[in-house]
Amino acid sequence: MKHKIITIFLLFIILLNTISLAIYTTIPVWSENTDTTEVNADTASDFLNIESESAILIEQSSGKILYEKNSHDKLRPASVTKIMSILLIMEALDRGDITLETQVPCSEKASSMGGSQIWLDQTETLSVHEMLKAICVVSANDCTVAMAEYLAGSEELFVQKMNERAKELGMNDTTFKNCHGIDEDGHLTSSYDISLMSKELLQNHPSITNYTTIWMDSLRDGKSELVNTNKLIRTYDGATGLKTGSTSLALYNLSASATRGDLSLIAVVLRAPTPKVRFSEAKLLLDYGFNTYSYKKIANKDDIIQSINVNKGTTASVNLVFENDSGVLIKKSDSAEITQELTLNENIEAPISKGTILGKVDYFLNNELISSVNLIADNDVSKKSLLTMFDYISSKWLNLLR
């Protein structure tokens, strides 16, 4: 009997050890050496504590996402919609369809819009310059509709163009129902999509900041005072825009942009509960970006790299220049060593046209490829003909005879 009790006791001890070992091996054990430095965009809200329903932070030139929270949730954008309207106006200016001096009339529909407005009258016209100022500074719905009707013939046709442009930009979460952002069923976008159209506007139409950075101004010979709805323009260092929006259903939205040195950022917040939270969280996102990252310019468009020999050309060489600007986003905490590798085409021979790709420069960050920039010819080089060869030889003989 005594031996049976001892045997049962030993079996019990072994069973307890087995259970303990199983628990120990299946539950991860935290260690002070656990690497917690890699924080991806999906978990960024854990340390920024963003209260708004959706948010994103991107680097402007590359579009690299530095932070996101519910960035593809489809929400009401309110007047942030007008970023797309402004983009289409700027593209019309680029094409020469309109100029800043073009006079734009006001229709009955435009004058009756309500909401944010400058109370356009059907008897008056404003220039595109004045319209842009009113749209960018005080989010004027009446001016937005007047511009839409002038450019496309009707607001409906303009909205169609807005949706077409959205698809071209990859804004797959977006459906526009109007050009101004007043609440309408199905008029939805996401913070990610807003960052895309904000990037397109700022990157390709930087002159828009002549309007989006206005704090106070006036229209109609000083009779209409304008104060920017974006308070960050006055309070945030380096602010360049961009657009506010709010309705009772959309709550408080903002696409905020800023530049310090070579680093440009865009922060978008949607459905902030109050105006104060909207601005404070946009500021928090921008601060996080500027405090954490730096942007290093590594190539300037049209800078000469070197001169190379050209076979059979009327000139013996051609200069190679960078085709585009290029840069890299670097975490300030990283030890970054950027190296470059030059590759040239073999047997470069005339004729060569200006802009012909003749090589490239690859850039590496800690041995990882981060950018490639084409090298192009900065001028034409014609091929030698019998006549040019004769002229060349004749000039050589004449020089010898002198």
Protein backbone atom coordinates (compact mmCIF):
# COMPACT_ATOMS: atom_id res chain seq x y z
CA MET A 1 0.00 0.00 0.00
CA LYS A 2 2.86 2.35 0.89
CA HIS A 3 4.51 1.72 -2.52
CA LYS A 4 1.26 2.52 -4.34
CA ILE A 5 0.92 5.89 -2.53
CA ILE A 6 4.54 6.83 -3.44
CA THR A 7 3.97 5.82 -7.07
CA ILE A 8 0.75 7.90 -7.31
CA PHE A 9 2.53 10.91 -5.74
CA LEU A 10 5.41 10.68 -8.23
CA LEU A 11 2.99 10.45 -11.15
CA PHE A 12 1.18 13.58 -9.85
CA ILE A 13 4.48 15.52 -9.66
CA ILE A 14 5.40 14.47 -13.22
CA LEU A 15 1.92 15.54 -14.45
CA LEU A 16 2.29 18.99 -12.83
CA ASN A 17 5.73 19.51 -14.42
CA THR A 18 4.36 18.52 -17.82
CA ILE A 19 1.49 21.03 -17.57
CA SER A 20 3.86 23.80 -16.42
CA LEU A 21 6.24 23.10 -19.28
CA ALA A 22 3.39 23.22 -21.81
CA ILE A 23 2.15 26.54 -20.43
CA TYR A 24 5.66 27.99 -20.41
CA THR A 25 6.38 26.96 -24.00
CA THR A 26 3.08 28.22 -25.46
CA ILE A 27 2.88 31.65 -23.79
CA PRO A 28 5.38 34.21 -25.18
CA VAL A 29 7.66 35.60 -22.52
CA TRP A 30 8.45 39.33 -22.68
CA SER A 31 12.08 40.24 -22.40
CA GLU A 32 13.84 43.58 -22.08
CA ASN A 33 15.76 42.59 -25.22
CA THR A 34 12.56 42.23 -27.30
CA ASP A 35 12.83 44.52 -30.35
CA THR A 36 9.99 47.05 -30.16
CA THR A 37 11.51 49.68 -32.41
CA GLU A 38 9.63 48.64 -35.57
CA VAL A 39 6.20 50.27 -35.39
CA ASN A 40 4.08 49.82 -38.49
CA ALA A 41 1.38 52.18 -39.63
CA ASP A 42 -1.44 49.93 -38.44
CA THR A 43 -0.32 50.14 -34.79
CA ALA A 44 0.83 53.74 -34.80
CA SER A 45 -2.37 54.85 -33.06
CA ASP A 46 -1.18 52.91 -29.99
CA PHE A 47 1.40 55.57 -29.22
CA LEU A 48 -0.15 58.68 -30.83
CA ASN A 49 -3.60 58.08 -29.31
CA ILE A 50 -5.48 59.63 -32.23
CA GLU A 51 -9.10 60.26 -31.28
CA SER A 52 -10.36 61.04 -34.80
CA GLU A 53 -12.04 58.13 -36.54
CA SER A 54 -9.59 58.05 -39.44
CA ALA A 55 -6.16 59.58 -40.04
CA ILE A 56 -3.04 59.32 -42.17
CA LEU A 57 0.38 60.96 -42.44
CA ILE A 58 2.42 60.80 -45.65
CA GLU A 59 5.65 62.23 -46.99
CA GLN A 60 4.62 64.50 -49.85
CA SER A 61 7.09 63.73 -52.63
CA SER A 62 7.09 59.93 -52.34
CA GLY A 63 3.66 59.37 -50.81
CA LYS A 64 5.26 57.06 -48.23
CA ILE A 65 2.84 56.37 -45.37
CA LEU A 66 4.33 57.27 -41.99
CA TYR A 67 1.17 56.72 -39.95
CA GLU A 68 -2.36 55.51 -40.59
CA LYS A 69 -5.51 54.72 -38.65
CA ASN A 70 -8.55 53.32 -40.47
CA SER A 71 -7.17 55.06 -43.55
CA HIS A 72 -9.47 53.28 -46.03
CA ASP A 73 -12.72 53.78 -44.10
CA LYS A 74 -15.25 55.49 -46.38
CA LEU A 75 -16.43 58.67 -44.66
CA ARG A 76 -18.05 62.01 -45.48
CA PRO A 77 -15.32 64.53 -46.37
CA ALA A 78 -17.38 67.75 -46.17
CA SER A 79 -15.49 70.69 -47.76
CA VAL A 80 -12.23 68.73 -47.99
CA THR A 81 -13.96 67.64 -51.23
CA LYS A 82 -12.87 70.99 -52.66
CA ILE A 83 -9.27 69.78 -52.96
CA MET A 84 -10.36 67.86 -56.06
CA SER A 85 -12.30 70.86 -57.37
CA ILE A 86 -9.24 73.05 -56.89
CA LEU A 87 -7.05 70.45 -58.61
CA LEU A 88 -9.27 70.50 -61.71
CA ILE A 89 -9.20 74.31 -61.74
CA MET A 90 -5.39 74.31 -61.58
CA GLU A 91 -5.18 71.73 -64.37
CA ALA A 92 -7.48 73.91 -66.51
CA LEU A 93 -5.09 76.81 -65.91
CA ASP A 94 -2.14 74.65 -66.98
CA ARG A 95 -3.90 73.65 -70.20
CA GLY A 96 -4.69 77.27 -70.99
CA ASP A 97 -8.45 76.71 -70.89
CA ILE A 98 -8.65 79.65 -68.48
CA THR A 99 -6.33 82.28 -67.01
CA LEU A 100 -6.32 83.88 -63.58
CA GLU A 101 -7.92 86.93 -65.20
CA THR A 102 -10.80 85.00 -66.79
CA GLN A 103 -14.12 86.41 -65.59
CA VAL A 104 -16.53 83.81 -64.20
CA PRO A 105 -20.28 84.54 -63.91
CA CYS A 106 -22.58 83.41 -61.11
CA SER A 107 -25.65 81.30 -61.86
CA GLU A 108 -28.85 81.10 -59.84
CA LYS A 109 -27.78 77.71 -58.54
CA ALA A 110 -24.37 78.98 -57.43
CA SER A 111 -25.84 81.98 -55.63
CA SER A 112 -28.29 79.78 -53.71
CA MET A 113 -25.81 77.25 -52.36
CA GLY A 114 -25.76 78.29 -48.69
CA GLY A 115 -23.24 77.10 -46.13
CA SER A 116 -19.77 78.65 -46.42
CA GLN A 117 -20.02 81.37 -49.07
CA ILE A 118 -19.23 84.93 -50.06
CA TRP A 119 -22.84 85.62 -51.17
CA LEU A 120 -22.26 85.77 -54.90
CA ASP A 121 -24.85 87.77 -56.81
CA GLN A 122 -26.13 86.71 -60.23
CA THR A 123 -25.31 90.15 -61.61
CA GLU A 124 -21.59 89.96 -60.79
CA THR A 125 -18.56 88.17 -62.13
CA LEU A 126 -15.30 87.39 -60.37
CA SER A 127 -11.94 86.49 -61.85
CA VAL A 128 -10.54 82.97 -61.47
CA HIS A 129 -7.94 84.50 -59.14
CA GLU A 130 -10.70 85.86 -56.89
CA MET A 131 -12.66 82.62 -57.07
CA LEU A 132 -9.62 80.58 -56.03
CA LYS A 133 -8.98 82.93 -53.14
CA ALA A 134 -12.56 82.57 -51.88
CA ILE A 135 -12.53 78.77 -52.27
CA CYS A 136 -9.15 78.22 -50.59
CA VAL A 137 -9.50 80.75 -47.77
CA VAL A 138 -13.17 80.62 -46.72
CA SER A 139 -14.30 77.43 -48.52
CA ALA A 140 -16.91 79.29 -50.57
CA ASN A 141 -19.55 76.88 -51.89
CA ASP A 142 -21.02 79.46 -54.27
CA CYS A 143 -17.66 80.11 -55.92
CA THR A 144 -16.93 76.38 -56.21
CA VAL A 145 -20.20 75.75 -58.05
CA ALA A 146 -19.67 78.81 -60.29
CA MET A 147 -16.22 77.50 -61.29
CA ALA A 148 -17.58 73.98 -61.86
CA GLU A 149 -20.33 75.28 -64.13
CA TYR A 150 -17.93 77.52 -66.04
CA LEU A 151 -15.38 74.75 -66.66
CA ALA A 152 -17.72 71.85 -67.47
CA GLY A 153 -21.06 73.44 -68.40
CA SER A 154 -22.82 72.08 -65.32
CA GLU A 155 -21.96 70.89 -61.84
CA GLU A 156 -23.04 67.36 -62.80
CA LEU A 157 -20.54 67.18 -65.66
CA PHE A 158 -17.83 68.66 -63.44
CA VAL A 159 -18.49 66.00 -60.77
CA GLN A 160 -18.13 63.37 -63.48
CA LYS A 161 -14.69 64.79 -64.25
CA MET A 162 -13.88 64.74 -60.51
CA ASN A 163 -14.66 61.03 -60.32
CA GLU A 164 -12.67 60.29 -63.48
CA ARG A 165 -9.66 62.12 -62.07
CA ALA A 166 -10.06 60.30 -58.75
CA LYS A 167 -9.81 56.94 -60.53
CA GLU A 168 -6.69 58.09 -62.39
CA LEU A 169 -5.08 58.92 -59.04
CA GLY A 170 -5.97 55.53 -57.57
CA MET A 171 -8.62 56.95 -55.21
CA ASN A 172 -10.57 53.71 -55.04
CA ASP A 173 -12.45 54.57 -51.84
CA THR A 174 -13.98 57.71 -53.37
CA THR A 175 -17.32 58.60 -54.92
CA PHE A 176 -18.06 62.30 -55.42
CA LYS A 177 -21.69 63.41 -55.67
CA ASN A 178 -21.02 67.16 -55.70
CA CYS A 179 -18.13 69.61 -56.03
CA HIS A 180 -18.44 71.34 -52.64
CA GLY A 181 -18.88 68.66 -49.97
CA ILE A 182 -22.32 69.48 -48.55
CA ASP A 183 -23.66 66.18 -47.15
CA GLU A 184 -25.25 63.92 -49.76
CA ASP A 185 -25.89 60.17 -49.64
CA GLY A 186 -23.04 58.26 -51.23
CA HIS A 187 -20.63 61.22 -51.23
CA LEU A 188 -17.71 59.41 -49.59
CA THR A 189 -13.94 59.19 -49.52
CA SER A 190 -11.15 58.10 -47.17
CA SER A 191 -8.20 59.74 -45.45
CA TYR A 192 -5.91 57.72 -47.74
CA ASP A 193 -7.63 59.03 -50.88
CA ILE A 194 -7.57 62.60 -49.55
CA SER A 195 -3.82 62.28 -49.05
CA LEU A 196 -3.48 61.19 -52.71
CA MET A 197 -5.32 64.20 -54.14
CA SER A 198 -3.59 66.55 -51.69
CA LYS A 199 -0.22 65.21 -52.83
CA GLU A 200 -1.16 65.64 -56.51
CA LEU A 201 -2.27 69.23 -55.95
CA LEU A 202 0.79 70.29 -53.93
CA GLN A 203 3.37 68.40 -55.98
CA ASN A 204 2.25 69.44 -59.45
CA HIS A 205 0.68 72.82 -58.68
CA PRO A 206 2.84 74.37 -55.94
CA SER A 207 1.53 77.83 -56.78
CA ILE A 208 -1.73 76.86 -55.04
CA THR A 209 0.04 77.68 -51.77
CA ASN A 210 -0.19 81.34 -52.82
CA TYR A 211 -3.86 80.91 -51.88
CA THR A 212 -3.85 78.19 -49.22
CA THR A 213 -1.38 80.12 -47.03
CA ILE A 214 -3.44 83.33 -46.94
CA TRP A 215 -4.52 84.05 -43.38
CA MET A 216 -6.56 87.22 -43.98
CA ASP A 217 -7.50 89.03 -47.19
CA SER A 218 -10.45 90.67 -48.88
CA LEU A 219 -12.50 90.79 -52.08
CA ARG A 220 -14.69 93.38 -53.81
CA ASP A 221 -12.34 96.28 -53.10
CA GLY A 222 -12.10 95.43 -49.43
CA LYS A 223 -15.84 95.07 -48.86
CA SER A 224 -15.68 91.28 -48.30
CA GLU A 225 -13.30 90.19 -45.55
CA LEU A 226 -11.75 86.71 -45.73
CA VAL A 227 -10.25 84.77 -42.79
CA ASN A 228 -8.80 81.32 -43.38
CA THR A 229 -10.77 78.42 -41.89
CA ASN A 230 -7.44 76.57 -41.35
CA LYS A 231 -6.01 77.93 -38.09
CA LEU A 232 -2.72 76.05 -38.61
CA ILE A 233 -1.79 78.58 -41.29
CA ARG A 234 -1.30 81.14 -38.55
CA THR A 235 0.03 78.91 -35.77
CA TYR A 236 2.05 76.04 -37.27
CA ASP A 237 5.63 76.54 -38.42
CA GLY A 238 5.95 75.71 -42.12
CA ALA A 239 2.21 75.26 -42.79
CA THR A 240 1.35 75.34 -46.51
CA GLY A 241 -2.38 74.50 -46.38
CA LEU A 242 -4.56 72.80 -47.21
CA LYS A 243 -8.32 72.42 -46.62
CA THR A 244 -10.81 72.16 -43.78
CA GLY A 245 -14.30 70.66 -43.84
CA SER A 246 -17.14 70.16 -41.39
CA THR A 247 -20.85 69.35 -41.32
CA SER A 248 -23.17 67.94 -38.66
CA LEU A 249 -22.82 64.46 -40.20
CA ALA A 250 -19.18 64.54 -41.31
CA LEU A 251 -17.98 66.17 -38.07
CA TYR A 252 -14.59 67.91 -38.34
CA ASN A 253 -12.09 67.11 -41.12
CA LEU A 254 -8.76 68.52 -42.26
CA SER A 255 -6.02 67.94 -44.79
CA ALA A 256 -3.02 69.77 -43.34
CA SER A 257 0.28 70.23 -45.14
CA ALA A 258 3.60 71.68 -44.02
CA THR A 259 7.20 71.96 -45.20
CA ARG A 260 10.36 72.35 -43.16
CA GLY A 261 13.62 72.33 -45.06
CA ASP A 262 13.46 69.56 -47.68
CA LEU A 263 10.77 67.58 -45.84
CA SER A 264 7.11 68.09 -46.81
CA LEU A 265 4.30 66.25 -45.01
CA ILE A 266 0.54 65.85 -45.41
CA ALA A 267 -1.66 64.91 -42.45
CA VAL A 268 -5.34 64.05 -42.87
CA VAL A 269 -7.85 63.62 -40.05
CA LEU A 270 -11.51 62.66 -40.55
CA ARG A 271 -14.44 62.71 -38.10
CA ALA A 272 -12.67 64.51 -35.31
CA PRO A 273 -15.24 65.16 -32.55
CA THR A 274 -14.46 68.89 -32.20
CA PRO A 275 -12.64 71.63 -34.13
CA LYS A 276 -9.99 71.72 -31.39
CA VAL A 277 -9.27 67.99 -31.76
CA ARG A 278 -9.13 68.34 -35.55
CA PHE A 279 -6.31 70.89 -35.40
CA SER A 280 -4.47 69.41 -32.41
CA GLU A 281 -4.33 65.93 -33.96
CA ALA A 282 -3.20 67.25 -37.35
CA LYS A 283 -0.46 69.12 -35.49
CA LEU A 284 0.40 65.96 -33.53
CA LEU A 285 0.78 63.98 -36.76
CA LEU A 286 2.93 66.65 -38.41
CA ASP A 287 5.08 66.99 -35.28
CA TYR A 288 5.59 63.23 -35.22
CA GLY A 289 6.73 63.30 -38.85
CA PHE A 290 9.12 66.22 -38.48
CA ASN A 291 10.57 64.90 -35.20
CA THR A 292 11.06 61.37 -36.51
CA TYR A 293 12.14 61.76 -40.14
CA SER A 294 14.38 63.82 -42.36
CA TYR A 295 14.47 64.06 -46.14
CA LYS A 296 17.83 63.93 -47.90
CA LYS A 297 18.00 65.29 -51.44
CA ILE A 298 20.29 63.08 -53.51
CA ALA A 299 19.76 64.37 -57.05
CA ASN A 300 18.74 67.69 -58.56
CA LYS A 301 17.13 67.73 -61.98
CA ASP A 302 19.45 69.08 -64.74
CA ASP A 303 22.58 69.00 -62.53
CA ILE A 304 25.60 67.94 -64.63
CA ILE A 305 27.22 64.68 -63.48
CA GLN A 306 30.01 64.36 -66.00
CA SER A 307 30.93 64.70 -69.66
CA ILE A 308 31.28 61.55 -71.80
CA ASN A 309 32.80 60.86 -75.21
CA VAL A 310 30.53 60.47 -78.24
CA ASN A 311 31.64 58.42 -81.23
CA LYS A 312 31.08 59.83 -84.73
CA GLY A 313 29.64 63.06 -83.37
CA THR A 314 30.09 66.60 -84.61
CA THR A 315 31.16 67.33 -81.04
CA ALA A 316 33.43 64.98 -79.15
CA SER A 317 31.42 64.83 -75.92
CA VAL A 318 28.08 65.47 -74.27
CA ASN A 319 27.13 66.41 -70.72
CA LEU A 320 25.07 63.98 -68.65
CA VAL A 321 22.45 65.50 -66.35
CA PHE A 322 19.89 64.10 -63.91
CA GLU A 323 16.51 63.48 -65.54
CA ASN A 324 14.57 64.12 -62.30
CA ASP A 325 14.90 65.23 -58.71
CA SER A 326 15.33 62.42 -56.22
CA GLY A 327 15.57 62.07 -52.47
CA VAL A 328 15.17 59.62 -49.64
CA LEU A 329 13.23 59.64 -46.38
CA ILE A 330 15.42 58.68 -43.43
CA LYS A 331 14.51 57.97 -39.83
CA LYS A 332 16.54 60.31 -37.67
CA SER A 333 17.34 57.44 -35.31
CA ASP A 334 18.90 55.36 -38.11
CA SER A 335 22.57 55.45 -38.95
CA ALA A 336 22.28 55.97 -42.68
CA GLU A 337 25.07 55.67 -45.20
CA ILE A 338 24.06 56.54 -48.75
CA THR A 339 26.29 55.27 -51.55
CA GLN A 340 25.91 55.56 -55.31
CA GLU A 341 26.75 53.45 -58.34
CA LEU A 342 27.12 54.95 -61.82
CA THR A 343 26.21 52.89 -64.91
CA LEU A 344 26.75 54.24 -68.45
CA ASN A 345 25.54 52.88 -71.77
CA GLU A 346 28.24 51.25 -73.90
CA ASN A 347 29.38 52.58 -77.28
CA ILE A 348 27.65 55.94 -77.13
CA GLU A 349 27.37 57.07 -80.72
CA ALA A 350 25.89 60.04 -82.57
CA PRO A 351 23.28 61.11 -83.44
CA ILE A 352 22.01 61.86 -79.92
CA SER A 353 18.92 63.90 -79.10
CA LYS A 354 18.63 66.07 -76.02
CA GLY A 355 16.96 64.02 -73.28
CA THR A 356 18.24 60.63 -74.53
CA ILE A 357 18.89 58.27 -71.61
CA LEU A 358 22.60 57.41 -71.60
CA GLY A 359 22.99 55.90 -68.15
CA LYS A 360 21.73 55.93 -64.58
CA VAL A 361 22.79 56.40 -60.99
CA ASP A 362 21.63 53.87 -58.38
CA TYR A 363 21.52 55.00 -54.76
CA PHE A 364 21.83 52.61 -51.83
CA LEU A 365 20.98 53.14 -48.17
CA ASN A 366 22.93 50.70 -45.99
CA ASN A 367 23.44 48.58 -49.14
CA GLU A 368 19.71 48.54 -50.03
CA LEU A 369 18.62 50.12 -53.33
CA ILE A 370 16.48 53.15 -52.55
CA SER A 371 16.44 55.15 -55.79
CA SER A 372 17.51 55.13 -59.42
CA VAL A 373 17.81 58.31 -61.48
CA ASN A 374 18.33 58.32 -65.26
CA LEU A 375 21.18 60.32 -66.76
CA ILE A 376 20.24 62.09 -69.98
CA ALA A 377 22.01 64.12 -72.66
CA ASP A 378 21.69 67.85 -72.04
CA ASN A 379 21.97 68.75 -75.74
CA ASP A 380 21.78 67.35 -79.29
CA VAL A 381 24.84 65.83 -80.95
CA SER A 382 24.65 65.40 -84.73
CA LYS A 383 26.41 62.60 -86.59
CA LYS A 384 29.41 63.44 -88.69
CA SER A 385 28.72 63.50 -92.43
CA LEU A 386 31.20 63.59 -95.32
CA LEU A 387 30.76 67.36 -95.45
CA THR A 388 31.34 67.86 -91.73
CA MET A 389 34.35 65.53 -91.84
CA PHE A 390 35.78 67.54 -94.76
CA ASP A 391 35.23 70.78 -92.83
CA TYR A 392 36.89 69.24 -89.76
CA ILE A 393 39.96 68.06 -91.72
CA SER A 394 40.21 71.38 -93.58
CA SER A 395 40.17 73.34 -90.34
CA LYS A 396 42.94 71.11 -88.96
CA TRP A 397 45.10 71.70 -92.07
CA LEU A 398 44.52 75.42 -91.94
CA ASN A 399 45.61 75.49 -88.31
CA LEU A 400 48.79 73.61 -89.20
CA LEU A 401 49.60 76.03 -92.04
CA ARG A 402 49.26 79.14 -89.85
